[in-house]
């Protein structure tokens, strides 16, 4: 990869990391709205699509922990740590699958949905580990409620917004 292209991806990744820090302010620091819309998920997924799997992984891994350390939200343990693994999975898989699949619109959706499912499973596994360490109950119902039921608005938002951004920017960059 040329150094110019690498620099371009690095700058984009920095922008996506900044968006991970800033977008949650749109929810007014109300945790229930933030959980429902999942604004930090958007830049992690987009970073994977536009910068590739490794940048997506790094931005997803750093974003929640950095935001927790800077602003106190989300709570570092277990929320920010579980989110770090989830968003790292999103960024890595969206970058990897987008690279592997044909560049047709349906595969953008397939990439997004697979990334979102696997990332949520990873989040559930990390939360289960923390629950085991703390000897607190965490079962399938808690996982389903936290990662599906409470995030339905965010899931819908991501399925509408992210492919639209990827398609629009793909058309824009193809003109250059």
Protein backbone atom coordinates (compact mmCIF):
# COMPACT_ATOMS: atom_id res chain seq x y z
CA UNK A 1 0.00 0.00 0.00
CA UNK A 2 1.34 3.42 -0.90
CA UNK A 3 2.27 5.76 1.93
CA UNK A 4 -0.22 8.35 0.61
CA UNK A 5 -3.08 5.85 0.78
CA UNK A 6 -1.96 4.74 4.25
CA UNK A 7 -1.87 8.35 5.44
CA UNK A 8 -5.35 8.89 3.98
CA UNK A 9 -6.69 5.88 5.89
CA UNK A 10 -4.94 6.99 9.07
CA UNK A 11 -6.55 10.45 8.85
CA UNK A 12 -9.96 8.90 8.18
CA UNK A 13 -9.50 6.54 11.13
CA UNK A 14 -8.65 9.51 13.37
CA UNK A 15 -11.82 11.23 12.18
CA UNK A 16 -13.88 8.11 12.95
CA UNK A 17 -12.30 7.90 16.41
CA UNK A 18 -13.21 11.56 16.99
CA UNK A 19 -16.77 10.74 15.91
CA UNK A 20 -16.84 7.91 18.47
CA UNK A 21 -16.14 10.54 21.12
CA UNK A 22 -18.49 13.24 19.82
CA UNK A 23 -21.58 11.44 18.44
CA UNK A 24 -22.83 10.29 21.86
CA UNK A 25 -23.26 13.95 22.81
CA UNK A 26 -26.16 13.99 20.34
CA UNK A 27 -28.06 11.74 22.72
CA UNK A 28 -27.69 14.36 25.44
CA UNK A 29 -25.72 12.06 27.72
CA UNK A 30 -28.91 10.16 28.54
CA UNK A 31 -27.75 6.53 28.77
CA UNK A 32 -31.11 5.03 27.72
CA UNK A 33 -31.21 7.06 24.50
CA UNK A 34 -27.53 6.38 23.89
CA UNK A 35 -28.07 2.65 24.30
CA UNK A 36 -31.14 2.73 22.04
CA UNK A 37 -29.42 4.61 19.18
CA UNK A 38 -25.87 3.29 19.70
CA UNK A 39 -24.13 6.32 18.17
CA UNK A 40 -20.59 4.99 18.77
CA UNK A 41 -21.33 1.97 16.60
CA UNK A 42 -21.72 4.11 13.48
CA UNK A 43 -18.11 5.38 13.20
CA UNK A 44 -16.66 1.98 14.14
CA UNK A 45 -18.61 0.28 11.35
CA UNK A 46 -17.86 3.04 8.83
CA UNK A 47 -14.16 2.91 9.71
CA UNK A 48 -14.11 -0.75 8.77
CA UNK A 49 -15.85 -0.06 5.46
CA UNK A 50 -13.61 2.86 4.49
CA UNK A 51 -10.27 2.18 6.19
CA UNK A 52 -10.14 -1.61 6.29
CA UNK A 53 -10.30 -4.25 8.99
CA UNK A 54 -7.25 -3.28 11.04
CA UNK A 55 -8.10 0.40 11.35
CA UNK A 56 -11.71 -0.57 12.09
CA UNK A 57 -10.53 -2.91 14.84
CA UNK A 58 -8.28 -0.28 16.41
CA UNK A 59 -10.89 2.52 16.32
CA UNK A 60 -13.55 0.19 17.72
CA UNK A 61 -11.23 -1.00 20.48
CA UNK A 62 -10.06 2.46 21.54
CA UNK A 63 -13.28 4.49 21.14
CA UNK A 64 -15.40 3.33 24.10
CA UNK A 65 -12.51 3.15 26.59
CA UNK A 66 -11.16 6.56 25.57
CA UNK A 67 -14.63 8.09 25.83
CA UNK A 68 -15.09 6.53 29.24
CA UNK A 69 -11.76 7.88 30.46
CA UNK A 70 -12.37 11.38 29.06
CA UNK A 71 -16.06 11.86 29.82
CA UNK A 72 -17.01 9.17 32.35
CA UNK A 73 -19.53 7.57 29.99
CA UNK A 74 -19.99 4.78 29.30
CA UNK A 75 -18.98 3.30 32.65
CA UNK A 76 -15.53 1.75 32.16
CA UNK A 77 -16.24 -1.65 33.73
CA UNK A 78 -18.00 -3.58 32.34
CA UNK A 79 -19.78 -1.37 29.77
CA UNK A 80 -16.92 0.39 27.95
CA UNK A 81 -14.75 -2.72 27.95
CA UNK A 82 -17.55 -4.92 26.55
CA UNK A 83 -18.34 -2.20 23.99
CA UNK A 84 -14.66 -2.07 22.99
CA UNK A 85 -14.69 -5.72 22.06
CA UNK A 86 -18.05 -5.32 20.30
CA UNK A 87 -16.98 -2.27 18.28
CA UNK A 88 -13.59 -3.79 17.48
CA UNK A 89 -15.48 -6.77 16.07
CA UNK A 90 -17.75 -4.43 14.08
CA UNK A 91 -14.81 -2.52 12.64
CA UNK A 92 -12.77 -5.60 11.83
CA UNK A 93 -15.59 -7.63 10.27
CA UNK A 94 -17.09 -4.74 8.29
CA UNK A 95 -13.64 -4.05 6.82
CA UNK A 96 -12.82 -7.69 6.15
CA UNK A 97 -16.17 -8.71 4.70
CA UNK A 98 -16.45 -5.55 2.59
CA UNK A 99 -13.05 -6.39 1.13
CA UNK A 100 -13.97 -10.04 0.47
CA UNK A 101 -17.53 -9.71 -0.85
CA UNK A 102 -18.44 -8.39 -4.30
CA UNK A 103 -18.91 -4.61 -4.40
CA UNK A 104 -22.67 -4.83 -4.95
CA UNK A 105 -25.25 -3.08 -2.79
CA UNK A 106 -26.79 -6.26 -1.27
CA UNK A 107 -23.38 -7.26 0.06
CA UNK A 108 -23.06 -3.97 1.94
CA UNK A 109 -26.17 -5.01 3.87
CA UNK A 110 -24.88 -8.57 4.34
CA UNK A 111 -21.57 -7.23 5.64
CA UNK A 112 -23.31 -4.83 8.01
CA UNK A 113 -25.75 -7.39 9.40
CA UNK A 114 -23.11 -10.08 9.92
CA UNK A 115 -20.85 -7.55 11.65
CA UNK A 116 -23.68 -6.38 13.91
CA UNK A 117 -24.70 -9.91 14.89
CA UNK A 118 -21.18 -11.16 15.61
CA UNK A 119 -20.29 -7.94 17.48
CA UNK A 120 -23.33 -8.30 19.72
CA UNK A 121 -22.44 -11.93 20.45
CA UNK A 122 -18.91 -10.83 21.40
CA UNK A 123 -20.40 -8.15 23.67
CA UNK A 124 -22.57 -10.79 25.33
CA UNK A 125 -19.58 -13.08 25.87
CA UNK A 126 -17.56 -10.30 27.51
CA UNK A 127 -20.51 -9.37 29.72
CA UNK A 128 -20.94 -13.03 30.68
CA UNK A 129 -17.26 -13.18 31.67
CA UNK A 130 -17.64 -10.06 33.84
CA UNK A 131 -20.83 -11.49 35.37
CA UNK A 132 -18.97 -14.71 36.19
CA UNK A 133 -16.11 -12.80 37.78
CA UNK A 134 -18.55 -10.70 39.84
CA UNK A 135 -20.77 -13.71 40.54
CA UNK A 136 -23.83 -11.87 39.23
CA UNK A 137 -26.52 -13.43 37.04
CA UNK A 138 -26.28 -12.91 33.29
CA UNK A 139 -28.24 -15.19 31.05
CA UNK A 140 -29.69 -15.35 27.58
CA UNK A 141 -32.63 -13.12 28.53
CA UNK A 142 -30.33 -10.38 29.86
CA UNK A 143 -28.20 -10.65 26.72
CA UNK A 144 -31.23 -10.49 24.41
CA UNK A 145 -32.75 -7.55 26.26
CA UNK A 146 -29.53 -5.53 26.35
CA UNK A 147 -28.28 -6.22 22.83
CA UNK A 148 -31.50 -6.57 20.84
CA UNK A 149 -34.64 -5.28 22.54
CA UNK A 150 -33.15 -2.07 23.95
CA UNK A 151 -31.23 -1.33 20.75
CA UNK A 152 -33.94 -1.83 18.10
CA UNK A 153 -33.99 1.91 17.19
CA UNK A 154 -30.21 1.83 16.72
CA UNK A 155 -30.33 -1.36 14.67
CA UNK A 156 -32.89 0.23 12.34
CA UNK A 157 -30.90 3.48 12.19
CA UNK A 158 -27.69 1.62 11.33
CA UNK A 159 -29.34 -0.52 8.65
CA UNK A 160 -30.70 2.64 6.98
CA UNK A 161 -27.83 5.08 7.55
CA UNK A 162 -24.61 3.09 7.10
CA UNK A 163 -25.33 1.55 3.66
CA UNK A 164 -26.58 4.96 2.46
CA UNK A 165 -23.30 6.57 3.54
CA UNK A 166 -21.18 3.77 2.05
CA UNK A 167 -23.08 3.90 -1.27
CA UNK A 168 -22.97 7.71 -1.47
CA UNK A 169 -19.28 7.97 -0.66
CA UNK A 170 -18.43 5.08 -2.96
CA UNK A 171 -20.11 6.97 -5.83
CA UNK A 172 -18.34 10.18 -4.83
CA UNK A 173 -14.89 8.61 -4.65
CA UNK A 174 -15.44 6.77 -7.93
CA UNK A 175 -15.80 10.17 -9.68
CA UNK A 176 -12.36 11.30 -8.55
